[in-house]
Amino acid sequence: MTKSGVPVFRFLLSIPLVAVATAGCGANATDASRSAEAAAVNVTAMTTTAQPIARFIRVSGTLTAQEDAEVAAEIAGRVIATPVERGSVVRVNDELIQILSTEVEAQAREAQANAAQIEARLGLDGGTAFDVERVPEVANARAAYQLAKNDFGRAERLYQDKLLSQSDFDQRSAQLEASQRQYDVARNGAAQQYQALMGARARVTVAQKALADTVVRAPFAGAVGERVATSGVDQLVDGVRVAVR
C-alpha cells in the first residue's frame, strides 16, 4: 500500500500463548497452542514505485512579460535590413534593424583624420601625453630664444668692457626680445591646438556613436512582439518591441 507516495507495509503478527506447567491444565494449553497456530497469517512484501501525478489548472487571463522594451534607432536613415520577424527569439545584442551607414562612416573617417592631423602637429604620435615643450614649433622657438639669450649675455659683457658699440648691443637686445616673443607665441599656439584636438576627439566620439547607432540591437534576450520598421523606409520612428519570454 502507499500513503502519500511513501511505501507502507502492514504486518499481522501472531503472538503464541505461553503454556503454564500446572497440574490439570495440559489440555487447555494444547488447545490454546493450536488456536494460535491457526490464527497465524503469512505476510508477503511488495515493492512500490513512485509515479508523477499530472495536475492541470484551467484558467483564463493575459500573459505579461517581465520586461518589455520598445527599441528604436537614435538616428534617422534608410532601413536596409530587418533580420527579425514577429515572434523571433533573439539574444542580447542580436541585430534587429540595420540603417544605411555610408554617410555616417564618411563622417567618422573625416573626424578621425582631423584629429590625427592635429596630433601629428603636436607631436603626439603613439598616444603620448601632451607636453607643450615637446611640440616641434615650441621646441624650435625655445632653441632660438636660448641662442639669442646666450648671444646677448656675451654682447652685454663686451659692451661693459667697451668692446662693443651701442648699436650692436641694441641689436642683440632686440633679437633677444623678438625670440622671447616668438617662444611665447609658439607656446600659446600649441595650447590652442591642443584645445582644438580635444574638440576633434569629441567629434570622433560623436561620429563613432552615430556609426554604432546604425545597427539597432536587442537590449536583452526575449521574443520580438512587434516589428514596425520596414526595409526601404527613409525615416525610422519606431522599430521593434522586444519582450522577455
C-alpha atoms as a PDB file:
ATOM      1  CA  MET A   1       0.000   0.000   0.000  1.00  0.00           C
ATOM      2  CA  THR A   2       1.097   3.598  -0.385  1.00  0.00           C
ATOM      3  CA  LYS A   3       0.328   6.621   1.688  1.00  0.00           C
ATOM      4  CA  SER A   4       1.278   9.968   0.224  1.00  0.00           C
ATOM      5  CA  GLY A   5       3.774   8.257  -2.097  1.00  0.00           C
ATOM      6  CA  VAL A   6       5.593   6.507   0.796  1.00  0.00           C
ATOM      7  CA  PRO A   7       5.615   2.682   0.763  1.00  0.00           C
ATOM      8  CA  VAL A   8       3.695   1.264   3.736  1.00  0.00           C
ATOM      9  CA  PHE A   9       3.707  -2.418   4.690  1.00  0.00           C
ATOM     10  CA  ARG A  10       1.210  -3.827   7.128  1.00  0.00           C
ATOM     11  CA  PHE A  11       2.322  -6.893   9.103  1.00  0.00           C
ATOM     12  CA  LEU A  12      -0.027  -9.136  11.022  1.00  0.00           C
ATOM     13  CA  LEU A  13       1.914 -10.643  13.906  1.00  0.00           C
ATOM     14  CA  SER A  14       0.794 -13.694  15.796  1.00  0.00           C
ATOM     15  CA  ILE A  15       1.854 -13.940  19.428  1.00  0.00           C
ATOM     16  CA  PRO A  16       1.945 -17.580  20.780  1.00  0.00           C
ATOM     17  CA  LEU A  17       0.474 -18.170  24.184  1.00  0.00           C
ATOM     18  CA  VAL A  18       2.802 -19.361  26.938  1.00  0.00           C
ATOM     19  CA  ALA A  19       1.905 -22.737  28.431  1.00  0.00           C
ATOM     20  CA  VAL A  20       1.890 -22.883  32.204  1.00  0.00           C
ATOM     21  CA  ALA A  21       3.105 -26.179  33.662  1.00  0.00           C
ATOM     22  CA  THR A  22       0.399 -26.753  36.223  1.00  0.00           C
ATOM     23  CA  ALA A  23      -1.404 -29.905  37.052  1.00  0.00           C
ATOM     24  CA  GLY A  24      -4.757 -30.411  35.355  1.00  0.00           C
ATOM     25  CA  CYS A  25      -4.189 -27.670  32.673  1.00  0.00           C
ATOM     26  CA  GLY A  26      -2.417 -29.726  29.938  1.00  0.00           C
ATOM     27  CA  ALA A  27      -5.474 -29.992  27.685  1.00  0.00           C
ATOM     28  CA  ASN A  28      -6.231 -26.266  27.832  1.00  0.00           C
ATOM     29  CA  ALA A  29      -2.618 -25.391  26.944  1.00  0.00           C
ATOM     30  CA  THR A  30      -2.709 -27.683  23.923  1.00  0.00           C
ATOM     31  CA  ASP A  31      -5.952 -26.151  22.616  1.00  0.00           C
ATOM     32  CA  ALA A  32      -4.616 -22.648  23.034  1.00  0.00           C
ATOM     33  CA  SER A  33      -1.466 -23.531  21.121  1.00  0.00           C
ATOM     34  CA  ARG A  34      -3.474 -24.919  18.227  1.00  0.00           C
ATOM     35  CA  SER A  35      -5.681 -21.842  18.115  1.00  0.00           C
ATOM     36  CA  ALA A  36      -2.583 -19.599  17.928  1.00  0.00           C
ATOM     37  CA  GLU A  37      -1.151 -21.610  15.014  1.00  0.00           C
ATOM     38  CA  ALA A  38      -4.477 -21.391  13.184  1.00  0.00           C
ATOM     39  CA  ALA A  39      -4.538 -17.582  13.582  1.00  0.00           C
ATOM     40  CA  ALA A  40      -1.073 -17.039  12.015  1.00  0.00           C
ATOM     41  CA  VAL A  41      -1.132 -15.185   8.651  1.00  0.00           C
ATOM     42  CA  ASN A  42       1.610 -15.295   6.035  1.00  0.00           C
ATOM     43  CA  VAL A  43       2.897 -11.792   5.029  1.00  0.00           C
ATOM     44  CA  THR A  44       4.224 -11.052   1.540  1.00  0.00           C
ATOM     45  CA  ALA A  45       6.254  -7.841   0.886  1.00  0.00           C
ATOM     46  CA  MET A  46       5.584  -5.935  -2.333  1.00  0.00           C
ATOM     47  CA  THR A  47       7.709  -3.224  -3.937  1.00  0.00           C
ATOM     48  CA  THR A  48       6.059   0.142  -4.654  1.00  0.00           C
ATOM     49  CA  THR A  49       7.136   2.666  -7.299  1.00  0.00           C
ATOM     50  CA  ALA A  50       6.714   6.449  -7.343  1.00  0.00           C
ATOM     51  CA  GLN A  51       4.861   7.881 -10.357  1.00  0.00           C
ATOM     52  CA  PRO A  52       4.154  11.531 -11.188  1.00  0.00           C
ATOM     53  CA  ILE A  53       0.602  12.727 -10.949  1.00  0.00           C
ATOM     54  CA  ALA A  54      -0.408  15.112 -13.706  1.00  0.00           C
ATOM     55  CA  ARG A  55      -2.285  18.149 -12.447  1.00  0.00           C
ATOM     56  CA  PHE A  56      -3.910  20.721 -14.685  1.00  0.00           C
ATOM     57  CA  ILE A  57      -5.272  24.114 -13.796  1.00  0.00           C
ATOM     58  CA  ARG A  58      -7.663  25.653 -16.295  1.00  0.00           C
ATOM     59  CA  VAL A  59      -7.746  29.434 -16.037  1.00  0.00           C
ATOM     60  CA  SER A  60      -8.273  32.384 -18.343  1.00  0.00           C
ATOM     61  CA  GLY A  61      -6.157  35.541 -18.320  1.00  0.00           C
ATOM     62  CA  THR A  62      -3.444  37.576 -20.040  1.00  0.00           C
ATOM     63  CA  LEU A  63       0.297  36.819 -20.038  1.00  0.00           C
ATOM     64  CA  THR A  64       2.541  39.803 -19.327  1.00  0.00           C
ATOM     65  CA  ALA A  65       6.296  39.776 -19.908  1.00  0.00           C
ATOM     66  CA  GLN A  66       8.626  40.567 -17.046  1.00  0.00           C
ATOM     67  CA  GLU A  67      10.433  43.099 -19.229  1.00  0.00           C
ATOM     68  CA  ASP A  68       9.101  44.927 -22.257  1.00  0.00           C
ATOM     69  CA  ALA A  69      11.073  47.441 -24.316  1.00  0.00           C
ATOM     70  CA  GLU A  70      10.341  49.399 -27.469  1.00  0.00           C
ATOM     71  CA  VAL A  71      13.630  49.563 -29.354  1.00  0.00           C
ATOM     72  CA  ALA A  72      14.183  52.300 -31.922  1.00  0.00           C
ATOM     73  CA  ALA A  73      17.143  53.856 -33.725  1.00  0.00           C
ATOM     74  CA  GLU A  74      18.615  57.060 -32.330  1.00  0.00           C
ATOM     75  CA  ILE A  75      19.437  58.423 -35.787  1.00  0.00           C
ATOM     76  CA  ALA A  76      17.359  58.866 -38.912  1.00  0.00           C
ATOM     77  CA  GLY A  77      18.212  56.985 -42.064  1.00  0.00           C
ATOM     78  CA  ARG A  78      17.164  54.420 -44.623  1.00  0.00           C
ATOM     79  CA  VAL A  79      16.466  50.967 -43.229  1.00  0.00           C
ATOM     80  CA  ILE A  80      18.357  48.420 -45.298  1.00  0.00           C
ATOM     81  CA  ALA A  81      17.799  45.238 -43.260  1.00  0.00           C
ATOM     82  CA  THR A  82      15.314  43.906 -40.715  1.00  0.00           C
ATOM     83  CA  PRO A  83      16.529  40.370 -39.899  1.00  0.00           C
ATOM     84  CA  VAL A  84      13.770  39.642 -37.341  1.00  0.00           C
ATOM     85  CA  GLU A  85      10.061  38.988 -37.585  1.00  0.00           C
ATOM     86  CA  ARG A  86       7.274  38.988 -35.053  1.00  0.00           C
ATOM     87  CA  GLY A  87       7.792  36.059 -32.716  1.00  0.00           C
ATOM     88  CA  SER A  88      11.508  35.713 -33.465  1.00  0.00           C
ATOM     89  CA  VAL A  89      13.593  34.680 -30.464  1.00  0.00           C
ATOM     90  CA  VAL A  90      16.606  36.946 -30.013  1.00  0.00           C
ATOM     91  CA  ARG A  91      19.582  37.010 -27.689  1.00  0.00           C
ATOM     92  CA  VAL A  92      21.136  40.053 -26.113  1.00  0.00           C
ATOM     93  CA  ASN A  93      22.896  42.312 -28.691  1.00  0.00           C
ATOM     94  CA  ASP A  94      21.352  40.476 -31.645  1.00  0.00           C
ATOM     95  CA  GLU A  95      20.777  42.739 -34.663  1.00  0.00           C
ATOM     96  CA  LEU A  96      17.188  43.934 -35.051  1.00  0.00           C
ATOM     97  CA  ILE A  97      17.464  46.758 -37.578  1.00  0.00           C
ATOM     98  CA  GLN A  98      20.280  47.979 -39.818  1.00  0.00           C
ATOM     99  CA  ILE A  99      20.375  51.508 -41.235  1.00  0.00           C
ATOM    100  CA  LEU A 100      22.407  52.681 -44.220  1.00  0.00           C
ATOM    101  CA  SER A 101      25.754  53.817 -42.805  1.00  0.00           C
ATOM    102  CA  THR A 102      27.654  55.169 -45.845  1.00  0.00           C
ATOM    103  CA  GLU A 103      27.400  58.842 -44.886  1.00  0.00           C
ATOM    104  CA  VAL A 104      27.997  58.184 -41.193  1.00  0.00           C
ATOM    105  CA  GLU A 105      31.127  56.157 -41.955  1.00  0.00           C
ATOM    106  CA  ALA A 106      32.491  59.006 -44.083  1.00  0.00           C
ATOM    107  CA  GLN A 107      31.889  61.482 -41.272  1.00  0.00           C
ATOM    108  CA  ALA A 108      33.653  59.198 -38.803  1.00  0.00           C
ATOM    109  CA  ARG A 109      36.687  58.859 -41.084  1.00  0.00           C
ATOM    110  CA  GLU A 110      36.826  62.632 -41.590  1.00  0.00           C
ATOM    111  CA  ALA A 111      36.710  63.263 -37.847  1.00  0.00           C
ATOM    112  CA  GLN A 112      39.475  60.742 -37.243  1.00  0.00           C
ATOM    113  CA  ALA A 113      41.631  62.305 -39.961  1.00  0.00           C
ATOM    114  CA  ASN A 114      41.265  65.797 -38.480  1.00  0.00           C
ATOM    115  CA  ALA A 115      42.193  64.552 -35.032  1.00  0.00           C
ATOM    116  CA  ALA A 116      45.199  62.658 -36.389  1.00  0.00           C
ATOM    117  CA  GLN A 117      46.409  65.743 -38.236  1.00  0.00           C
ATOM    118  CA  ILE A 118      46.386  67.859 -35.059  1.00  0.00           C
ATOM    119  CA  GLU A 119      48.060  65.062 -33.085  1.00  0.00           C
ATOM    120  CA  ALA A 120      50.890  64.904 -35.622  1.00  0.00           C
ATOM    121  CA  ARG A 121      51.307  68.678 -35.471  1.00  0.00           C
ATOM    122  CA  LEU A 122      51.615  68.495 -31.701  1.00  0.00           C
ATOM    123  CA  GLY A 123      53.940  65.503 -31.794  1.00  0.00           C
ATOM    124  CA  LEU A 124      51.505  63.181 -30.032  1.00  0.00           C
ATOM    125  CA  ASP A 125      52.227  60.058 -32.063  1.00  0.00           C
ATOM    126  CA  GLY A 126      51.712  56.786 -30.239  1.00  0.00           C
ATOM    127  CA  GLY A 127      49.268  58.193 -27.715  1.00  0.00           C
ATOM    128  CA  THR A 128      51.874  60.139 -25.730  1.00  0.00           C
ATOM    129  CA  ALA A 129      50.710  62.704 -23.186  1.00  0.00           C
ATOM    130  CA  PHE A 130      50.628  66.352 -24.202  1.00  0.00           C
ATOM    131  CA  ASP A 131      53.680  68.399 -23.206  1.00  0.00           C
ATOM    132  CA  VAL A 132      53.824  71.902 -24.629  1.00  0.00           C
ATOM    133  CA  GLU A 133      57.628  71.932 -24.546  1.00  0.00           C
ATOM    134  CA  ARG A 134      57.765  68.830 -26.764  1.00  0.00           C
ATOM    135  CA  VAL A 135      55.741  70.415 -29.537  1.00  0.00           C
ATOM    136  CA  PRO A 136      58.128  70.856 -32.529  1.00  0.00           C
ATOM    137  CA  GLU A 137      57.294  74.535 -33.082  1.00  0.00           C
ATOM    138  CA  VAL A 138      57.722  75.304 -29.391  1.00  0.00           C
ATOM    139  CA  ALA A 139      60.996  73.387 -29.231  1.00  0.00           C
ATOM    140  CA  ASN A 140      62.393  75.351 -32.193  1.00  0.00           C
ATOM    141  CA  ALA A 141      61.291  78.658 -30.705  1.00  0.00           C
ATOM    142  CA  ARG A 142      62.817  77.721 -27.342  1.00  0.00           C
ATOM    143  CA  ALA A 143      66.158  76.847 -29.011  1.00  0.00           C
ATOM    144  CA  ALA A 144      66.179  80.186 -30.874  1.00  0.00           C
ATOM    145  CA  TYR A 145      65.357  82.052 -27.672  1.00  0.00           C
ATOM    146  CA  GLN A 146      68.142  80.265 -25.762  1.00  0.00           C
ATOM    147  CA  LEU A 147      70.621  81.085 -28.533  1.00  0.00           C
ATOM    148  CA  ALA A 148      69.624  84.743 -28.521  1.00  0.00           C
ATOM    149  CA  LYS A 149      69.854  84.809 -24.742  1.00  0.00           C
ATOM    150  CA  ASN A 150      73.414  83.445 -24.785  1.00  0.00           C
ATOM    151  CA  ASP A 151      74.399  85.859 -27.553  1.00  0.00           C
ATOM    152  CA  PHE A 152      73.006  88.779 -25.576  1.00  0.00           C
ATOM    153  CA  GLY A 153      74.969  87.675 -22.485  1.00  0.00           C
ATOM    154  CA  ARG A 154      78.242  87.793 -24.434  1.00  0.00           C
ATOM    155  CA  ALA A 155      77.290  91.114 -26.005  1.00  0.00           C
ATOM    156  CA  GLU A 156      76.484  92.553 -22.616  1.00  0.00           C
ATOM    157  CA  ARG A 157      79.911  91.650 -21.254  1.00  0.00           C
ATOM    158  CA  LEU A 158      81.614  93.138 -24.310  1.00  0.00           C
ATOM    159  CA  TYR A 159      79.542  96.288 -24.018  1.00  0.00           C
ATOM    160  CA  GLN A 160      80.509  96.688 -20.380  1.00  0.00           C
ATOM    161  CA  ASP A 161      84.176  96.327 -21.361  1.00  0.00           C
ATOM    162  CA  LYS A 162      83.734  98.990 -24.014  1.00  0.00           C
ATOM    163  CA  LEU A 163      84.446  96.416 -26.707  1.00  0.00           C
ATOM    164  CA  LEU A 164      81.005  96.569 -28.367  1.00  0.00           C
ATOM    165  CA  SER A 165      79.258  99.538 -29.823  1.00  0.00           C
ATOM    166  CA  GLN A 166      75.877 100.748 -28.627  1.00  0.00           C
ATOM    167  CA  SER A 167      74.210  99.877 -31.904  1.00  0.00           C
ATOM    168  CA  ASP A 168      75.440  96.299 -31.840  1.00  0.00           C
ATOM    169  CA  PHE A 169      74.351  95.952 -28.240  1.00  0.00           C
ATOM    170  CA  ASP A 170      70.884  97.305 -29.047  1.00  0.00           C
ATOM    171  CA  GLN A 171      70.649  94.874 -31.953  1.00  0.00           C
ATOM    172  CA  ARG A 172      71.419  91.877 -29.643  1.00  0.00           C
ATOM    173  CA  SER A 173      68.844  93.132 -27.158  1.00  0.00           C
ATOM    174  CA  ALA A 174      66.177  93.450 -29.855  1.00  0.00           C
ATOM    175  CA  GLN A 175      66.947  89.944 -31.109  1.00  0.00           C
ATOM    176  CA  LEU A 176      66.513  88.596 -27.587  1.00  0.00           C
ATOM    177  CA  GLU A 177      63.129  90.270 -27.155  1.00  0.00           C
ATOM    178  CA  ALA A 178      61.939  89.036 -30.554  1.00  0.00           C
ATOM    179  CA  SER A 179      62.991  85.450 -29.877  1.00  0.00           C
ATOM    180  CA  GLN A 180      61.259  85.543 -26.486  1.00  0.00           C
ATOM    181  CA  ARG A 181      58.014  86.767 -28.059  1.00  0.00           C
ATOM    182  CA  GLN A 182      58.208  84.028 -30.698  1.00  0.00           C
ATOM    183  CA  TYR A 183      58.691  81.463 -27.947  1.00  0.00           C
ATOM    184  CA  ASP A 184      55.636  82.741 -26.059  1.00  0.00           C
ATOM    185  CA  VAL A 185      53.572  82.792 -29.241  1.00  0.00           C
ATOM    186  CA  ALA A 186      54.589  79.212 -30.027  1.00  0.00           C
ATOM    187  CA  ARG A 187      53.556  78.078 -26.544  1.00  0.00           C
ATOM    188  CA  ASN A 188      50.185  79.801 -26.801  1.00  0.00           C
ATOM    189  CA  GLY A 189      49.629  78.387 -30.279  1.00  0.00           C
ATOM    190  CA  ALA A 190      50.412  74.880 -29.073  1.00  0.00           C
ATOM    191  CA  ALA A 191      47.942  75.254 -26.191  1.00  0.00           C
ATOM    192  CA  GLN A 192      45.239  76.398 -28.620  1.00  0.00           C
ATOM    193  CA  GLN A 193      45.960  73.497 -30.926  1.00  0.00           C
ATOM    194  CA  TYR A 194      45.621  71.107 -28.015  1.00  0.00           C
ATOM    195  CA  GLN A 195      42.181  72.535 -27.230  1.00  0.00           C
ATOM    196  CA  ALA A 196      41.305  72.075 -30.894  1.00  0.00           C
ATOM    197  CA  LEU A 197      42.457  68.488 -30.574  1.00  0.00           C
ATOM    198  CA  MET A 198      40.072  67.967 -27.658  1.00  0.00           C
ATOM    199  CA  GLY A 199      37.224  69.195 -29.853  1.00  0.00           C
ATOM    200  CA  ALA A 200      38.337  66.961 -32.733  1.00  0.00           C
ATOM    201  CA  ARG A 201      38.446  63.933 -30.450  1.00  0.00           C
ATOM    202  CA  ALA A 202      34.964  64.769 -29.176  1.00  0.00           C
ATOM    203  CA  ARG A 203      33.709  64.847 -32.769  1.00  0.00           C
ATOM    204  CA  VAL A 204      35.329  61.445 -33.330  1.00  0.00           C
ATOM    205  CA  THR A 205      33.415  60.076 -30.344  1.00  0.00           C
ATOM    206  CA  VAL A 206      30.134  61.506 -31.650  1.00  0.00           C
ATOM    207  CA  ALA A 207      30.772  60.127 -35.131  1.00  0.00           C
ATOM    208  CA  GLN A 208      31.628  56.677 -33.789  1.00  0.00           C
ATOM    209  CA  LYS A 209      28.456  56.627 -31.700  1.00  0.00           C
ATOM    210  CA  ALA A 210      26.396  57.625 -34.725  1.00  0.00           C
ATOM    211  CA  LEU A 211      28.030  54.792 -36.656  1.00  0.00           C
ATOM    212  CA  ALA A 212      27.220  52.318 -33.892  1.00  0.00           C
ATOM    213  CA  ASP A 213      23.608  53.571 -33.831  1.00  0.00           C
ATOM    214  CA  THR A 214      23.108  52.464 -37.419  1.00  0.00           C
ATOM    215  CA  VAL A 215      22.626  48.958 -36.011  1.00  0.00           C
ATOM    216  CA  VAL A 216      19.786  48.539 -33.504  1.00  0.00           C
ATOM    217  CA  ARG A 217      20.424  45.631 -31.154  1.00  0.00           C
ATOM    218  CA  ALA A 218      18.315  43.709 -28.673  1.00  0.00           C
ATOM    219  CA  PRO A 219      18.738  45.099 -25.131  1.00  0.00           C
ATOM    220  CA  PHE A 220      18.063  41.691 -23.585  1.00  0.00           C
ATOM    221  CA  ALA A 221      17.145  38.155 -24.590  1.00  0.00           C
ATOM    222  CA  GLY A 222      13.491  37.640 -25.442  1.00  0.00           C
ATOM    223  CA  ALA A 223      10.959  37.395 -28.243  1.00  0.00           C
ATOM    224  CA  VAL A 224      10.002  40.024 -30.789  1.00  0.00           C
ATOM    225  CA  GLY A 225       6.455  41.122 -30.067  1.00  0.00           C
ATOM    226  CA  GLU A 226       6.069  43.624 -32.895  1.00  0.00           C
ATOM    227  CA  ARG A 227       8.122  44.924 -35.805  1.00  0.00           C
ATOM    228  CA  VAL A 228       7.228  48.319 -37.187  1.00  0.00           C
ATOM    229  CA  ALA A 229      10.295  49.133 -39.274  1.00  0.00           C
ATOM    230  CA  THR A 230      10.406  48.037 -42.916  1.00  0.00           C
ATOM    231  CA  SER A 231      13.324  47.944 -45.325  1.00  0.00           C
ATOM    232  CA  GLY A 232      13.481  50.997 -47.559  1.00  0.00           C
ATOM    233  CA  VAL A 233      11.895  53.433 -45.099  1.00  0.00           C
ATOM    234  CA  ASP A 234      13.671  56.805 -45.088  1.00  0.00           C
ATOM    235  CA  GLN A 235      12.631  57.849 -41.579  1.00  0.00           C
ATOM    236  CA  LEU A 236      12.683  55.427 -38.650  1.00  0.00           C
ATOM    237  CA  VAL A 237      10.213  56.480 -35.937  1.00  0.00           C
ATOM    238  CA  ASP A 238       9.710  53.284 -34.009  1.00  0.00           C
ATOM    239  CA  GLY A 239      11.409  49.985 -34.512  1.00  0.00           C
ATOM    240  CA  VAL A 240      10.912  46.731 -32.640  1.00  0.00           C
ATOM    241  CA  ARG A 241       9.192  45.697 -29.453  1.00  0.00           C
ATOM    242  CA  VAL A 242      11.140  43.040 -27.546  1.00  0.00           C
ATOM    243  CA  ALA A 243       9.763  41.216 -24.527  1.00  0.00           C
ATOM    244  CA  VAL A 244      11.303  38.648 -22.192  1.00  0.00           C
ATOM    245  CA  ARG A 245       9.687  35.287 -22.651  1.00  0.00           C
END
